[in-house]
PDB file of N, CA and C in Angstrom:
ATOM      1  N   MET A   1     150.173 134.376  47.503  1.00  0.00           N
ATOM      2  CA  MET A   1     150.567 133.083  48.073  1.00  0.00           C
ATOM      3  C   MET A   1     151.192 132.222  46.980  1.00  0.00           C
ATOM      4  N   ASN A   2     152.308 131.602  47.278  1.00  0.00           N
ATOM      5  CA  ASN A   2     152.956 130.712  46.326  1.00  0.00           C
ATOM      6  C   ASN A   2     152.198 129.382  46.258  1.00  0.00           C
ATOM      7  N   VAL A   3     152.064 128.870  45.053  1.00  0.00           N
ATOM      8  CA  VAL A   3     151.393 127.588  44.883  1.00  0.00           C
ATOM      9  C   VAL A   3     152.221 126.515  45.589  1.00  0.00           C
ATOM     10  N   GLY A   4     151.542 125.683  46.378  1.00  0.00           N
ATOM     11  CA  GLY A   4     152.244 124.652  47.084  1.00  0.00           C
ATOM     12  C   GLY A   4     152.583 125.018  48.510  1.00  0.00           C
ATOM     13  N   LYS A   5     152.107 126.156  48.965  1.00  0.00           N
ATOM     14  CA  LYS A   5     152.410 126.580  50.326  1.00  0.00           C
ATOM     15  C   LYS A   5     151.402 126.007  51.315  1.00  0.00           C
ATOM     16  N   ASP A   6     150.195 125.649  50.868  1.00  0.00           N
ATOM     17  CA  ASP A   6     149.262 125.013  51.783  1.00  0.00           C
ATOM     18  C   ASP A   6     148.770 123.694  51.198  1.00  0.00           C
ATOM     19  N   MET A   7     148.221 122.875  52.045  1.00  0.00           N
ATOM     20  CA  MET A   7     147.882 121.509  51.642  1.00  0.00           C
ATOM     21  C   MET A   7     146.821 121.482  50.549  1.00  0.00           C
ATOM     22  N   LYS A   8     145.900 122.437  50.531  1.00  0.00           N
ATOM     23  CA  LYS A   8     144.878 122.470  49.479  1.00  0.00           C
ATOM     24  C   LYS A   8     145.540 122.645  48.106  1.00  0.00           C
ATOM     25  N   ASP A   9     146.530 123.549  48.051  1.00  0.00           N
ATOM     26  CA  ASP A   9     147.250 123.748  46.792  1.00  0.00           C
ATOM     27  C   ASP A   9     147.978 122.491  46.361  1.00  0.00           C
ATOM     28  N   ILE A  10     148.615 121.855  47.307  1.00  0.00           N
ATOM     29  CA  ILE A  10     149.384 120.645  46.998  1.00  0.00           C
ATOM     30  C   ILE A  10     148.459 119.526  46.529  1.00  0.00           C
ATOM     31  N   LEU A  11     147.319 119.365  47.192  1.00  0.00           N
ATOM     32  CA  LEU A  11     146.370 118.336  46.761  1.00  0.00           C
ATOM     33  C   LEU A  11     145.838 118.635  45.372  1.00  0.00           C
ATOM     34  N   ALA A  12     145.579 119.895  45.067  1.00  0.00           N
ATOM     35  CA  ALA A  12     145.094 120.268  43.748  1.00  0.00           C
ATOM     36  C   ALA A  12     146.082 119.882  42.652  1.00  0.00           C
ATOM     37  N   ILE A  13     147.363 120.079  42.924  1.00  0.00           N
ATOM     38  CA  ILE A  13     148.416 119.699  41.959  1.00  0.00           C
ATOM     39  C   ILE A  13     148.385 118.200  41.716  1.00  0.00           C
ATOM     40  N   LEU A  14     148.309 117.424  42.801  1.00  0.00           N
ATOM     41  CA  LEU A  14     148.288 115.968  42.666  1.00  0.00           C
ATOM     42  C   LEU A  14     147.025 115.465  41.978  1.00  0.00           C
ATOM     43  N   ILE A  15     145.907 116.070  42.269  1.00  0.00           N
ATOM     44  CA  ILE A  15     144.635 115.661  41.639  1.00  0.00           C
ATOM     45  C   ILE A  15     144.685 115.872  40.138  1.00  0.00           C
ATOM     46  N   LYS A  16     145.407 116.903  39.692  1.00  0.00           N
ATOM     47  CA  LYS A  16     145.568 117.167  38.256  1.00  0.00           C
ATOM     48  C   LYS A  16     146.552 116.178  37.589  1.00  0.00           C
ATOM     49  N   GLY A  17     147.149 115.300  38.401  1.00  0.00           N
ATOM     50  CA  GLY A  17     148.075 114.328  37.836  1.00  0.00           C
ATOM     51  C   GLY A  17     149.482 114.838  37.670  1.00  0.00           C
ATOM     52  N   ARG A  18     149.770 115.989  38.254  1.00  0.00           N
ATOM     53  CA  ARG A  18     151.108 116.557  38.175  1.00  0.00           C
ATOM     54  C   ARG A  18     151.986 116.055  39.301  1.00  0.00           C
ATOM     55  N   THR A  19     153.270 116.246  39.155  1.00  0.00           N
ATOM     56  CA  THR A  19     154.196 115.885  40.213  1.00  0.00           C
ATOM     57  C   THR A  19     154.524 117.134  41.026  1.00  0.00           C
ATOM     58  N   LEU A  20     155.063 116.915  42.216  1.00  0.00           N
ATOM     59  CA  LEU A  20     155.412 118.019  43.101  1.00  0.00           C
ATOM     60  C   LEU A  20     156.897 118.346  42.983  1.00  0.00           C
ATOM     61  N   THR A  21     157.207 119.601  43.227  1.00  0.00           N
ATOM     62  CA  THR A  21     158.596 120.011  43.309  1.00  0.00           C
ATOM     63  C   THR A  21     159.129 119.578  44.669  1.00  0.00           C
ATOM     64  N   GLN A  22     160.430 119.671  44.834  1.00  0.00           N
ATOM     65  CA  GLN A  22     161.013 119.350  46.123  1.00  0.00           C
ATOM     66  C   GLN A  22     160.483 120.290  47.202  1.00  0.00           C
ATOM     67  N   GLU A  23     160.339 121.566  46.896  1.00  0.00           N
ATOM     68  CA  GLU A  23     159.831 122.527  47.882  1.00  0.00           C
ATOM     69  C   GLU A  23     158.385 122.228  48.255  1.00  0.00           C
ATOM     70  N   GLN A  24     157.552 121.899  47.283  1.00  0.00           N
ATOM     71  CA  GLN A  24     156.152 121.578  47.585  1.00  0.00           C
ATOM     72  C   GLN A  24     156.045 120.331  48.461  1.00  0.00           C
ATOM     73  N   THR A  25     156.853 119.335  48.134  1.00  0.00           N
ATOM     74  CA  THR A  25     156.835 118.102  48.938  1.00  0.00           C
ATOM     75  C   THR A  25     157.323 118.387  50.347  1.00  0.00           C
ATOM     76  N   ARG A  26     158.357 119.208  50.447  1.00  0.00           N
ATOM     77  CA  ARG A  26     158.886 119.567  51.764  1.00  0.00           C
ATOM     78  C   ARG A  26     157.814 120.307  52.582  1.00  0.00           C
ATOM     79  N   ASN A  27     157.103 121.215  51.943  1.00  0.00           N
ATOM     80  CA  ASN A  27     156.019 121.932  52.644  1.00  0.00           C
ATOM     81  C   ASN A  27     154.954 120.955  53.149  1.00  0.00           C
ATOM     82  N   ALA A  28     154.559 120.009  52.304  1.00  0.00           N
ATOM     83  CA  ALA A  28     153.538 119.037  52.691  1.00  0.00           C
ATOM     84  C   ALA A  28     153.999 118.201  53.867  1.00  0.00           C
ATOM     85  N   PHE A  29     155.210 117.696  53.800  1.00  0.00           N
ATOM     86  CA  PHE A  29     155.718 116.849  54.881  1.00  0.00           C
ATOM     87  C   PHE A  29     155.982 117.641  56.174  1.00  0.00           C
ATOM     88  N   GLU A  30     156.327 118.905  56.065  1.00  0.00           N
ATOM     89  CA  GLU A  30     156.467 119.728  57.265  1.00  0.00           C
ATOM     90  C   GLU A  30     155.117 119.871  57.967  1.00  0.00           C
ATOM     91  N   MET A  31     154.042 120.067  57.189  1.00  0.00           N
ATOM     92  CA  MET A  31     152.716 120.173  57.763  1.00  0.00           C
ATOM     93  C   MET A  31     152.294 118.841  58.406  1.00  0.00           C
ATOM     94  N   ILE A  32     152.628 117.753  57.729  1.00  0.00           N
ATOM     95  CA  ILE A  32     152.258 116.428  58.264  1.00  0.00           C
ATOM     96  C   ILE A  32     153.049 116.127  59.532  1.00  0.00           C
ATOM     97  N   MET A  33     154.360 116.277  59.498  1.00  0.00           N
ATOM     98  CA  MET A  33     155.191 115.896  60.631  1.00  0.00           C
ATOM     99  C   MET A  33     154.997 116.814  61.829  1.00  0.00           C
ATOM    100  N   SER A  34     154.626 118.058  61.598  1.00  0.00           N
ATOM    101  CA  SER A  34     154.412 118.982  62.706  1.00  0.00           C
ATOM    102  C   SER A  34     153.007 118.881  63.302  1.00  0.00           C
ATOM    103  N   GLY A  35     152.145 118.139  62.620  1.00  0.00           N
ATOM    104  CA  GLY A  35     150.784 117.937  63.121  1.00  0.00           C
ATOM    105  C   GLY A  35     149.807 119.045  62.740  1.00  0.00           C
ATOM    106  N   THR A  36     150.202 119.934  61.857  1.00  0.00           N
ATOM    107  CA  THR A  36     149.329 121.030  61.462  1.00  0.00           C
ATOM    108  C   THR A  36     148.392 120.677  60.303  1.00  0.00           C
ATOM    109  N   ALA A  37     148.676 119.588  59.596  1.00  0.00           N
ATOM    110  CA  ALA A  37     147.819 119.174  58.492  1.00  0.00           C
ATOM    111  C   ALA A  37     146.591 118.474  59.013  1.00  0.00           C
ATOM    112  N   ASP A  38     145.472 118.717  58.358  1.00  0.00           N
ATOM    113  CA  ASP A  38     144.240 118.040  58.706  1.00  0.00           C
ATOM    114  C   ASP A  38     144.356 116.548  58.378  1.00  0.00           C
ATOM    115  N   PRO A  39     143.886 115.671  59.260  1.00  0.00           N
ATOM    116  CA  PRO A  39     144.014 114.237  59.015  1.00  0.00           C
ATOM    117  C   PRO A  39     143.414 113.770  57.684  1.00  0.00           C
ATOM    118  N   ALA A  40     142.290 114.353  57.287  1.00  0.00           N
ATOM    119  CA  ALA A  40     141.701 113.983  55.999  1.00  0.00           C
ATOM    120  C   ALA A  40     142.597 114.392  54.833  1.00  0.00           C
ATOM    121  N   GLN A  41     143.235 115.538  54.960  1.00  0.00           N
ATOM    122  CA  GLN A  41     144.155 115.985  53.912  1.00  0.00           C
ATOM    123  C   GLN A  41     145.402 115.088  53.856  1.00  0.00           C
ATOM    124  N   VAL A  42     145.854 114.657  55.003  1.00  0.00           N
ATOM    125  CA  VAL A  42     147.021 113.744  55.037  1.00  0.00           C
ATOM    126  C   VAL A  42     146.648 112.447  54.321  1.00  0.00           C
ATOM    127  N   GLY A  43     145.469 111.917  54.607  1.00  0.00           N
ATOM    128  CA  GLY A  43     145.033 110.703  53.955  1.00  0.00           C
ATOM    129  C   GLY A  43     144.918 110.877  52.442  1.00  0.00           C
ATOM    130  N   ALA A  44     144.360 111.983  52.023  1.00  0.00           N
ATOM    131  CA  ALA A  44     144.242 112.269  50.579  1.00  0.00           C
ATOM    132  C   ALA A  44     145.617 112.393  49.943  1.00  0.00           C
ATOM    133  N   PHE A  45     146.516 113.099  50.619  1.00  0.00           N
ATOM    134  CA  PHE A  45     147.875 113.300  50.102  1.00  0.00           C
ATOM    135  C   PHE A  45     148.579 111.958  49.928  1.00  0.00           C
ATOM    136  N   LEU A  46     148.535 111.124  50.939  1.00  0.00           N
ATOM    137  CA  LEU A  46     149.208 109.824  50.856  1.00  0.00           C
ATOM    138  C   LEU A  46     148.583 108.908  49.805  1.00  0.00           C
ATOM    139  N   ALA A  47     147.257 108.964  49.702  1.00  0.00           N
ATOM    140  CA  ALA A  47     146.566 108.132  48.693  1.00  0.00           C
ATOM    141  C   ALA A  47     146.950 108.573  47.279  1.00  0.00           C
ATOM    142  N   LEU A  48     147.019 109.881  47.063  1.00  0.00           N
ATOM    143  CA  LEU A  48     147.401 110.381  45.732  1.00  0.00           C
ATOM    144  C   LEU A  48     148.844 110.040  45.412  1.00  0.00           C
ATOM    145  N   LEU A  49     149.729 110.128  46.388  1.00  0.00           N
ATOM    146  CA  LEU A  49     151.117 109.740  46.128  1.00  0.00           C
ATOM    147  C   LEU A  49     151.271 108.250  45.857  1.00  0.00           C
ATOM    148  N   ALA A  50     150.444 107.447  46.488  1.00  0.00           N
ATOM    149  CA  ALA A  50     150.534 105.983  46.339  1.00  0.00           C
ATOM    150  C   ALA A  50     150.061 105.487  44.971  1.00  0.00           C
ATOM    151  N   GLN A  51     149.421 106.350  44.205  1.00  0.00           N
ATOM    152  CA  GLN A  51     148.912 105.948  42.895  1.00  0.00           C
ATOM    153  C   GLN A  51     149.989 105.848  41.824  1.00  0.00           C
ATOM    154  N   ARG A  52     151.166 106.356  42.108  1.00  0.00           N
ATOM    155  CA  ARG A  52     152.263 106.339  41.139  1.00  0.00           C
ATOM    156  C   ARG A  52     153.602 106.294  41.872  1.00  0.00           C
ATOM    157  N   ASP A  53     154.654 106.098  41.114  1.00  0.00           N
ATOM    158  CA  ASP A  53     155.981 106.116  41.707  1.00  0.00           C
ATOM    159  C   ASP A  53     156.390 107.546  41.997  1.00  0.00           C
ATOM    160  N   PRO A  54     157.065 107.784  43.115  1.00  0.00           N
ATOM    161  CA  PRO A  54     157.499 109.151  43.450  1.00  0.00           C
ATOM    162  C   PRO A  54     158.639 109.592  42.550  1.00  0.00           C
ATOM    163  N   THR A  55     158.740 110.907  42.370  1.00  0.00           N
ATOM    164  CA  THR A  55     159.848 111.468  41.600  1.00  0.00           C
ATOM    165  C   THR A  55     161.034 111.674  42.541  1.00  0.00           C
ATOM    166  N   VAL A  56     162.180 111.953  41.964  1.00  0.00           N
ATOM    167  CA  VAL A  56     163.374 112.226  42.766  1.00  0.00           C
ATOM    168  C   VAL A  56     163.147 113.448  43.659  1.00  0.00           C
ATOM    169  N   ASP A  57     162.513 114.502  43.097  1.00  0.00           N
ATOM    170  CA  ASP A  57     162.241 115.695  43.889  1.00  0.00           C
ATOM    171  C   ASP A  57     161.298 115.388  45.067  1.00  0.00           C
ATOM    172  N   GLU A  58     160.303 114.555  44.827  1.00  0.00           N
ATOM    173  CA  GLU A  58     159.380 114.224  45.892  1.00  0.00           C
ATOM    174  C   GLU A  58     160.072 113.425  47.003  1.00  0.00           C
ATOM    175  N   LEU A  59     160.898 112.485  46.614  1.00  0.00           N
ATOM    176  CA  LEU A  59     161.654 111.710  47.603  1.00  0.00           C
ATOM    177  C   LEU A  59     162.613 112.587  48.393  1.00  0.00           C
ATOM    178  N   ALA A  60     163.307 113.467  47.700  1.00  0.00           N
ATOM    179  CA  ALA A  60     164.275 114.343  48.351  1.00  0.00           C
ATOM    180  C   ALA A  60     163.569 115.299  49.316  1.00  0.00           C
ATOM    181  N   GLY A  61     162.441 115.849  48.924  1.00  0.00           N
ATOM    182  CA  GLY A  61     161.708 116.747  49.775  1.00  0.00           C
ATOM    183  C   GLY A  61     161.211 116.072  51.028  1.00  0.00           C
ATOM    184  N   ALA A  62     160.653 114.872  50.867  1.00  0.00           N
ATOM    185  CA  ALA A  62     160.154 114.127  52.026  1.00  0.00           C
ATOM    186  C   ALA A  62     161.296 113.733  52.940  1.00  0.00           C
ATOM    187  N   ALA A  63     162.366 113.252  52.384  1.00  0.00           N
ATOM    188  CA  ALA A  63     163.503 112.798  53.192  1.00  0.00           C
ATOM    189  C   ALA A  63     164.125 113.949  53.978  1.00  0.00           C
ATOM    190  N   SER A  64     164.199 115.113  53.358  1.00  0.00           N
ATOM    191  CA  SER A  64     164.816 116.261  54.043  1.00  0.00           C
ATOM    192  C   SER A  64     164.034 116.657  55.295  1.00  0.00           C
ATOM    193  N   VAL A  65     162.715 116.533  55.237  1.00  0.00           N
ATOM    194  CA  VAL A  65     161.881 116.868  56.418  1.00  0.00           C
ATOM    195  C   VAL A  65     161.982 115.743  57.453  1.00  0.00           C
ATOM    196  N   MET A  66     161.905 114.498  57.004  1.00  0.00           N
ATOM    197  CA  MET A  66     161.927 113.393  57.951  1.00  0.00           C
ATOM    198  C   MET A  66     163.240 113.325  58.729  1.00  0.00           C
ATOM    199  N   ARG A  67     164.323 113.777  58.131  1.00  0.00           N
ATOM    200  CA  ARG A  67     165.604 113.816  58.838  1.00  0.00           C
ATOM    201  C   ARG A  67     165.589 114.802  59.991  1.00  0.00           C
ATOM    202  N   GLN A  68     164.732 115.821  59.896  1.00  0.00           N
ATOM    203  CA  GLN A  68     164.660 116.839  60.942  1.00  0.00           C
ATOM    204  C   GLN A  68     163.850 116.392  62.167  1.00  0.00           C
ATOM    205  N   PHE A  69     162.990 115.394  61.969  1.00  0.00           N
ATOM    206  CA  PHE A  69     162.086 114.994  63.060  1.00  0.00           C
ATOM    207  C   PHE A  69     162.540 113.759  63.765  1.00  0.00           C
TER     208      PHE A  69
END
């Protein structure tokens, strides 16, 4: 399994203080927007992102998914 393919992996990256790639961010937002992400994981994801400014890759990944929905 590629790192960043499921929400647990993505949360682990953010908890370590790392930033997400565009693909990882896209995967997270696809899970959120499609309703497949657990609500608690969505809350944790958004809280971790809110602790710092987003990177260009994170913004691009999120925007690319939101344009589809």
